[in-house]
Amino acid sequence: MKKLLAAVLTVCLAAVTVLGCAPKTEDEGLQKLVLNEVVHSVFYAPQYVAMELGFFEEEGIDLQVDVGNGADKSMTAVLSGNADVALCGTEAAIYVHAEGREDVPMVFAQLTQRAGNFLVGREADPDFQWTDLKGQTIIGGREGGMPQMVLEYILKKNGLDPDKDLEIITNLDLSATAGAFVAGTGAYTAEFEPGATTLEEGGNGYVVASMGVDSGYVPYTVYMTAESIIAEKAALIQGFTNAIYKGQQWVAQHTAEEIAEVIHPQFAETELATLAKIIERYQVQDTWKTDPIFTEDALRLMEDVLREAGQYDGQLEYEAIANTQMAEKAMK
């Protein structure tokens, strides 16, 4: 954990990949807000709906989106002043709080309520059981990150010791796991979308299990910002939250095909039918929250997951890490 905490506080932000709306002029009355998302994935569909339907502009926001490719990097972007908001796992904020930093990150909205990655094997296996992984090598996630902790949580639920019963590769960036799998590394890989479906359609792998289904509900991805930013840019963060809530509501009321049509510009390299398939897969397992409230129960569940993974042994005051005022206001 100490190694991870050091990374959160010291790692330099990776090269910026701009994915957001085109820059607007000051004459149009929009304020710039920089969001650093942990990875660019269909998993965050409500956010992309908000971007493509102009919900951020409606709130007076010129949104720039950068990709961190790691929760530690997304958190570093906020702590170093290179981003206003981070979209990543709740654990990133908990780790920083545990370090005793003064200007702490605050979780002000939640986007997803299930894990968004899938276990991909080299062969189709409709009868797959988690115990089949005994003695195998798996490409997992970064140690201490949500993908890896959820994987370990599922393995333990199924009677497997992650340290003894199998080998889990944890030193690859999220952006490199699918390529490593195609190149022959591991018997299985844990992949977000569209990576999992892309591997299937390329004949390079087959989804055999869903982490989201097998781990249950968990506050997987949230929006957070520094306490000082909330104080200095309260109206801007409120507008951001309003736009996210609009995106959540729109997604809850539309079909996978309709959502795919809207967010396709964000994933132009993915066929529309494939995109709809991915979205439907996420819809079926109830991936997205319909409101942005991050509850105390969600925090306690996350702390339990961290303890189970051996990454954290404390308990935070809910008010020390959560600010629900903007989410509550957005819903009025």
Protein backbone atom coordinates (compact mmCIF):
# COMPACT_ATOMS: atom_id res chain seq x y z
CA MET A 1 0.00 0.00 0.00
CA LYS A 2 2.83 2.42 0.83
CA LYS A 3 4.24 1.91 -2.64
CA LEU A 4 0.82 2.69 -4.15
CA LEU A 5 0.36 5.77 -1.98
CA ALA A 6 3.73 7.07 -3.05
CA ALA A 7 2.70 6.56 -6.67
CA VAL A 8 -0.54 8.44 -6.14
CA LEU A 9 1.29 11.42 -4.73
CA THR A 10 4.37 11.46 -6.95
CA VAL A 11 3.70 9.89 -10.36
CA CYS A 12 3.74 12.44 -13.15
CA LEU A 13 0.62 12.63 -15.29
CA ALA A 14 0.87 10.66 -18.51
CA ALA A 15 0.74 12.37 -21.90
CA VAL A 16 -2.63 13.97 -22.39
CA THR A 17 -5.22 12.46 -24.73
CA VAL A 18 -7.97 14.95 -25.44
CA LEU A 19 -11.35 13.34 -26.01
CA GLY A 20 -13.81 15.99 -24.95
CA CYS A 21 -15.79 18.69 -26.62
CA ALA A 22 -14.15 21.12 -29.00
CA PRO A 23 -12.78 24.22 -27.24
CA LYS A 24 -15.28 27.05 -26.88
CA THR A 25 -14.52 30.74 -26.80
CA GLU A 26 -14.92 32.87 -23.71
CA ASP A 27 -17.54 34.88 -25.63
CA GLU A 28 -19.79 31.82 -25.54
CA GLY A 29 -19.73 31.98 -21.75
CA LEU A 30 -18.35 28.51 -21.07
CA GLN A 31 -15.88 27.71 -18.31
CA LYS A 32 -13.21 25.09 -18.91
CA LEU A 33 -13.24 22.00 -16.69
CA VAL A 34 -10.62 19.27 -17.03
CA LEU A 35 -11.73 15.72 -16.24
CA ASN A 36 -9.20 12.90 -16.00
CA GLU A 37 -10.86 9.51 -16.51
CA VAL A 38 -9.01 6.37 -15.50
CA VAL A 39 -9.59 4.76 -18.90
CA HIS A 40 -11.74 5.47 -21.97
CA SER A 41 -14.42 2.79 -21.91
CA VAL A 42 -18.07 2.17 -22.78
CA PHE A 43 -18.29 1.44 -19.05
CA TYR A 44 -18.76 5.19 -18.61
CA ALA A 45 -21.58 5.53 -21.13
CA PRO A 46 -23.70 8.04 -19.14
CA GLN A 47 -20.78 10.47 -19.14
CA TYR A 48 -20.36 10.20 -22.91
CA VAL A 49 -24.11 10.67 -23.41
CA ALA A 50 -23.82 13.89 -21.40
CA MET A 51 -20.90 14.96 -23.59
CA GLU A 52 -22.49 14.12 -26.93
CA LEU A 53 -25.95 15.57 -26.12
CA GLY A 54 -24.50 18.86 -24.93
CA PHE A 55 -25.46 18.53 -21.27
CA PHE A 56 -22.15 20.04 -20.16
CA GLU A 57 -22.57 23.05 -22.44
CA GLU A 58 -26.07 23.49 -21.01
CA GLU A 59 -24.39 23.85 -17.64
CA GLY A 60 -21.89 26.39 -18.95
CA ILE A 61 -18.98 23.93 -19.13
CA ASP A 62 -16.32 23.49 -21.79
CA LEU A 63 -15.23 19.94 -20.90
CA GLN A 64 -11.76 18.59 -21.65
CA VAL A 65 -11.25 14.88 -20.99
CA ASP A 66 -7.81 13.36 -20.42
CA VAL A 67 -7.09 9.65 -19.89
CA GLY A 68 -4.95 8.57 -16.94
CA ASN A 69 -4.71 4.82 -17.66
CA GLY A 70 -4.55 4.13 -13.93
CA ALA A 71 -6.40 5.40 -10.85
CA ASP A 72 -3.11 6.55 -9.34
CA LYS A 73 -2.43 8.70 -12.41
CA SER A 74 -5.96 10.15 -12.48
CA MET A 75 -5.71 11.03 -8.80
CA THR A 76 -2.26 12.54 -9.32
CA ALA A 77 -3.70 14.75 -12.05
CA VAL A 78 -6.12 16.29 -9.54
CA LEU A 79 -3.64 16.54 -6.67
CA SER A 80 -1.06 18.21 -8.93
CA GLY A 81 -3.54 20.70 -10.38
CA ASN A 82 -3.55 19.19 -13.88
CA ALA A 83 -7.23 18.24 -13.65
CA ASP A 84 -10.28 19.52 -11.80
CA VAL A 85 -12.03 16.16 -11.46
CA ALA A 86 -10.96 12.52 -11.54
CA LEU A 87 -13.15 9.59 -12.55
CA CYS A 88 -11.69 6.47 -10.95
CA GLY A 89 -12.18 3.95 -8.17
CA THR A 90 -13.17 5.06 -4.66
CA GLU A 91 -10.06 3.37 -3.33
CA ALA A 92 -7.85 6.13 -4.76
CA ALA A 93 -9.49 8.71 -2.48
CA ILE A 94 -9.37 6.39 0.54
CA TYR A 95 -5.63 5.81 0.10
CA VAL A 96 -4.91 9.54 -0.01
CA HIS A 97 -7.04 10.17 3.08
CA ALA A 98 -5.12 7.45 4.90
CA GLU A 99 -1.88 9.28 4.08
CA GLY A 100 -3.06 12.33 6.04
CA ARG A 101 -2.97 14.88 3.21
CA GLU A 102 -4.47 18.29 4.07
CA ASP A 103 -6.26 19.13 0.81
CA VAL A 104 -8.05 15.79 0.60
CA PRO A 105 -10.01 14.41 -2.36
CA MET A 106 -13.79 14.37 -1.88
CA VAL A 107 -16.17 11.97 -3.63
CA PHE A 108 -19.09 14.05 -4.88
CA ALA A 109 -20.81 11.71 -7.35
CA GLN A 110 -20.97 8.02 -8.23
CA LEU A 111 -21.30 6.73 -11.79
CA THR A 112 -21.16 2.92 -11.75
CA GLN A 113 -22.37 0.36 -9.19
CA ARG A 114 -20.85 -2.85 -10.52
CA ALA A 115 -17.46 -3.92 -11.79
CA GLY A 116 -17.11 -3.27 -15.50
CA ASN A 117 -14.59 -5.88 -16.55
CA PHE A 118 -14.96 -9.41 -17.86
CA LEU A 119 -12.81 -12.50 -17.66
CA VAL A 120 -11.67 -13.52 -21.14
CA GLY A 121 -10.26 -16.95 -21.87
CA ARG A 122 -8.65 -18.46 -24.95
CA GLU A 123 -11.48 -20.91 -25.56
CA ALA A 124 -15.26 -20.60 -25.33
CA ASP A 125 -16.35 -22.15 -22.05
CA PRO A 126 -20.09 -22.03 -21.26
CA ASP A 127 -19.50 -24.24 -18.22
CA PHE A 128 -16.74 -22.06 -16.75
CA GLN A 129 -16.25 -22.15 -12.99
CA TRP A 130 -13.87 -19.85 -11.12
CA THR A 131 -12.19 -22.91 -9.68
CA ASP A 132 -11.02 -23.66 -13.24
CA LEU A 133 -8.40 -20.94 -12.71
CA LYS A 134 -6.40 -23.02 -10.26
CA GLY A 135 -2.84 -23.36 -11.59
CA GLN A 136 -3.47 -20.85 -14.40
CA THR A 137 -1.87 -17.50 -15.25
CA ILE A 138 -4.18 -14.47 -15.46
CA ILE A 139 -3.56 -10.91 -16.61
CA GLY A 140 -5.13 -8.91 -13.79
CA GLY A 141 -5.02 -5.27 -12.76
CA ARG A 142 -2.68 -3.00 -10.87
CA GLU A 143 -2.09 -4.13 -7.29
CA GLY A 144 -4.32 -2.12 -4.97
CA GLY A 145 -6.59 -0.98 -7.82
CA MET A 146 -10.26 -1.85 -8.12
CA PRO A 147 -9.99 -4.34 -11.02
CA GLN A 148 -7.39 -6.39 -9.15
CA MET A 149 -9.13 -6.20 -5.78
CA VAL A 150 -12.48 -7.26 -7.23
CA LEU A 151 -10.77 -10.15 -9.02
CA GLU A 152 -9.18 -11.28 -5.75
CA TYR A 153 -12.49 -10.83 -3.93
CA ILE A 154 -14.22 -13.17 -6.41
CA LEU A 155 -11.40 -15.72 -6.25
CA LYS A 156 -11.63 -15.85 -2.45
CA LYS A 157 -15.41 -16.22 -2.63
CA ASN A 158 -14.78 -19.30 -4.74
CA GLY A 159 -12.24 -20.84 -2.39
CA LEU A 160 -9.07 -19.82 -4.26
CA ASP A 161 -6.01 -18.19 -2.71
CA PRO A 162 -4.87 -15.46 -5.15
CA ASP A 163 -1.29 -15.74 -3.90
CA LYS A 164 -0.94 -19.52 -3.97
CA ASP A 165 -3.46 -21.13 -6.31
CA LEU A 166 -2.71 -19.17 -9.48
CA GLU A 167 -0.42 -16.53 -10.96
CA ILE A 168 -1.82 -13.03 -11.52
CA ILE A 169 0.13 -10.53 -13.61
CA THR A 170 -0.29 -7.06 -12.06
CA ASN A 171 2.41 -4.93 -13.70
CA LEU A 172 0.68 -4.00 -16.98
CA ASP A 173 -1.15 -0.75 -17.75
CA LEU A 174 -4.86 -1.13 -18.51
CA SER A 175 -4.15 -0.09 -22.09
CA ALA A 176 -1.65 -2.93 -22.57
CA THR A 177 -3.47 -5.99 -21.22
CA ALA A 178 -5.40 -7.00 -24.35
CA GLY A 179 -2.32 -6.70 -26.53
CA ALA A 180 -0.30 -8.81 -24.12
CA PHE A 181 -3.02 -11.47 -24.15
CA VAL A 182 -3.10 -11.56 -27.97
CA ALA A 183 0.69 -11.89 -27.92
CA GLY A 184 0.37 -15.05 -25.86
CA THR A 185 0.63 -13.90 -22.25
CA GLY A 186 -1.65 -15.68 -19.79
CA ALA A 187 -4.47 -18.17 -20.14
CA TYR A 188 -7.03 -15.50 -19.14
CA THR A 189 -7.24 -11.73 -18.98
CA ALA A 190 -9.52 -9.32 -17.11
CA GLU A 191 -10.75 -6.78 -19.69
CA PHE A 192 -12.97 -3.71 -19.76
CA GLU A 193 -15.12 -2.94 -22.78
CA PRO A 194 -14.70 -2.50 -25.64
CA GLY A 195 -11.56 -4.62 -25.11
CA ALA A 196 -13.39 -7.81 -24.13
CA THR A 197 -15.76 -7.77 -27.10
CA THR A 198 -12.96 -6.74 -29.47
CA LEU A 199 -10.98 -9.80 -28.42
CA GLU A 200 -14.06 -11.96 -29.07
CA GLU A 201 -14.78 -10.49 -32.49
CA GLY A 202 -11.14 -10.86 -33.50
CA GLY A 203 -11.19 -14.53 -32.55
CA ASN A 204 -8.54 -13.88 -29.90
CA GLY A 205 -10.58 -14.69 -26.83
CA TYR A 206 -13.99 -15.44 -25.33
CA VAL A 207 -15.81 -13.86 -22.39
CA VAL A 208 -16.29 -16.61 -19.82
CA ALA A 209 -17.42 -14.62 -16.78
CA SER A 210 -18.52 -11.15 -15.65
CA MET A 211 -16.76 -9.54 -12.70
CA GLY A 212 -19.77 -7.27 -12.24
CA VAL A 213 -22.18 -10.16 -11.85
CA ASP A 214 -19.95 -12.33 -9.69
CA SER A 215 -18.77 -9.60 -7.31
CA GLY A 216 -22.17 -8.00 -6.72
CA TYR A 217 -22.89 -4.31 -6.21
CA VAL A 218 -19.87 -2.15 -5.41
CA PRO A 219 -19.14 1.61 -5.80
CA TYR A 220 -16.72 0.90 -8.62
CA THR A 221 -16.22 4.32 -10.18
CA VAL A 222 -16.85 7.75 -8.70
CA TYR A 223 -16.10 11.40 -9.42
CA MET A 224 -13.78 13.14 -6.98
CA THR A 225 -12.01 16.44 -6.64
CA ALA A 226 -9.86 18.24 -4.09
CA GLU A 227 -11.63 19.92 -1.18
CA SER A 228 -10.07 23.22 -2.26
CA ILE A 229 -11.54 22.91 -5.76
CA ILE A 230 -15.03 22.45 -4.34
CA ALA A 231 -14.53 25.61 -2.31
CA GLU A 232 -13.10 27.62 -5.22
CA LYS A 233 -15.24 26.28 -8.08
CA ALA A 234 -18.48 25.21 -6.39
CA ALA A 235 -20.72 26.38 -9.24
CA LEU A 236 -18.56 24.62 -11.84
CA ILE A 237 -18.56 21.32 -9.94
CA GLN A 238 -22.31 21.66 -9.42
CA GLY A 239 -22.82 22.12 -13.16
CA PHE A 240 -20.65 19.08 -13.85
CA THR A 241 -22.76 17.01 -11.43
CA ASN A 242 -25.97 18.25 -13.03
CA ALA A 243 -24.73 17.13 -16.46
CA ILE A 244 -23.74 13.68 -15.16
CA TYR A 245 -27.18 13.22 -13.58
CA LYS A 246 -28.84 14.16 -16.88
CA GLY A 247 -26.67 11.53 -18.60
CA GLN A 248 -27.59 8.90 -16.01
CA GLN A 249 -31.29 9.60 -16.43
CA TRP A 250 -31.09 9.57 -20.23
CA VAL A 251 -29.31 6.20 -20.24
CA ALA A 252 -31.86 4.74 -17.83
CA GLN A 253 -34.68 5.70 -20.20
CA HIS A 254 -33.23 4.54 -23.54
CA THR A 255 -32.32 1.33 -25.32
CA ALA A 256 -28.85 -0.01 -25.96
CA GLU A 257 -29.22 0.85 -29.66
CA GLU A 258 -30.22 4.44 -28.89
CA ILE A 259 -27.33 4.88 -26.46
CA ALA A 260 -24.92 3.40 -29.00
CA GLU A 261 -26.06 5.90 -31.65
CA VAL A 262 -25.35 8.80 -29.30
CA ILE A 263 -21.93 7.76 -28.00
CA HIS A 264 -20.60 6.23 -31.23
CA PRO A 265 -18.40 9.31 -31.96
CA GLN A 266 -16.50 8.46 -28.76
CA PHE A 267 -15.82 4.96 -30.11
CA ALA A 268 -15.67 5.52 -33.85
CA GLU A 269 -13.36 2.51 -34.31
CA THR A 270 -16.11 0.21 -32.96
CA GLU A 271 -18.96 -0.95 -35.18
CA LEU A 272 -22.33 0.41 -34.11
CA ALA A 273 -23.81 -3.07 -33.68
CA THR A 274 -20.85 -4.10 -31.52
CA LEU A 275 -21.25 -0.99 -29.40
CA ALA A 276 -24.93 -1.76 -28.85
CA LYS A 277 -24.00 -5.32 -27.84
CA ILE A 278 -21.54 -4.02 -25.26
CA ILE A 279 -24.05 -1.54 -23.84
CA GLU A 280 -26.74 -4.19 -23.58
CA ARG A 281 -24.31 -6.42 -21.69
CA TYR A 282 -23.77 -3.61 -19.20
CA GLN A 283 -27.48 -2.83 -18.98
CA VAL A 284 -28.44 -6.43 -18.21
CA GLN A 285 -26.15 -6.53 -15.20
CA ASP A 286 -27.41 -3.16 -13.86
CA THR A 287 -24.04 -1.44 -14.21
CA TRP A 288 -25.01 2.23 -14.03
CA LYS A 289 -26.50 4.18 -11.16
CA THR A 290 -29.55 6.25 -12.02
CA ASP A 291 -28.52 8.99 -9.58
CA PRO A 292 -25.11 10.35 -8.49
CA ILE A 293 -25.47 9.84 -4.72
CA PHE A 294 -22.48 8.16 -3.05
CA THR A 295 -23.90 6.61 0.11
CA GLU A 296 -22.29 5.71 3.42
CA ASP A 297 -23.18 2.06 2.77
CA ALA A 298 -21.16 2.26 -0.44
CA LEU A 299 -18.15 3.61 1.47
CA ARG A 300 -18.35 0.85 4.09
CA LEU A 301 -18.60 -1.81 1.38
CA MET A 302 -15.54 -0.37 -0.34
CA GLU A 303 -13.59 -0.39 2.92
CA ASP A 304 -14.50 -4.06 3.36
CA VAL A 305 -13.17 -4.85 -0.13
CA LEU A 306 -9.92 -3.02 0.69
CA ARG A 307 -9.51 -4.89 3.97
CA GLU A 308 -10.14 -8.21 2.24
CA ALA A 309 -7.38 -7.32 -0.23
CA GLY A 310 -5.01 -6.39 2.60
CA GLN A 311 -4.70 -2.80 1.34
CA TYR A 312 -6.38 -0.87 4.17
CA ASP A 313 -7.38 -1.43 7.78
CA GLY A 314 -8.99 1.85 8.82
CA GLN A 315 -12.44 3.41 8.79
CA LEU A 316 -13.14 6.91 7.54
CA GLU A 317 -15.82 9.25 8.74
CA TYR A 318 -18.32 9.40 5.88
CA GLU A 319 -18.39 13.22 5.90
CA ALA A 320 -14.57 13.28 5.65
CA ILE A 321 -14.58 11.75 2.17
CA ALA A 322 -18.10 12.30 0.78
CA ASN A 323 -19.86 15.49 -0.27
CA THR A 324 -23.39 14.72 -1.45
CA GLN A 325 -24.68 18.29 -1.55
CA MET A 326 -24.15 18.72 -5.29
CA ALA A 327 -25.63 15.32 -6.15
CA GLU A 328 -28.69 16.04 -4.02
CA LYS A 329 -29.11 19.46 -5.60
CA ALA A 330 -28.80 18.01 -9.09
CA MET A 331 -31.75 15.71 -8.42
CA LYS A 332 -34.11 18.51 -7.33
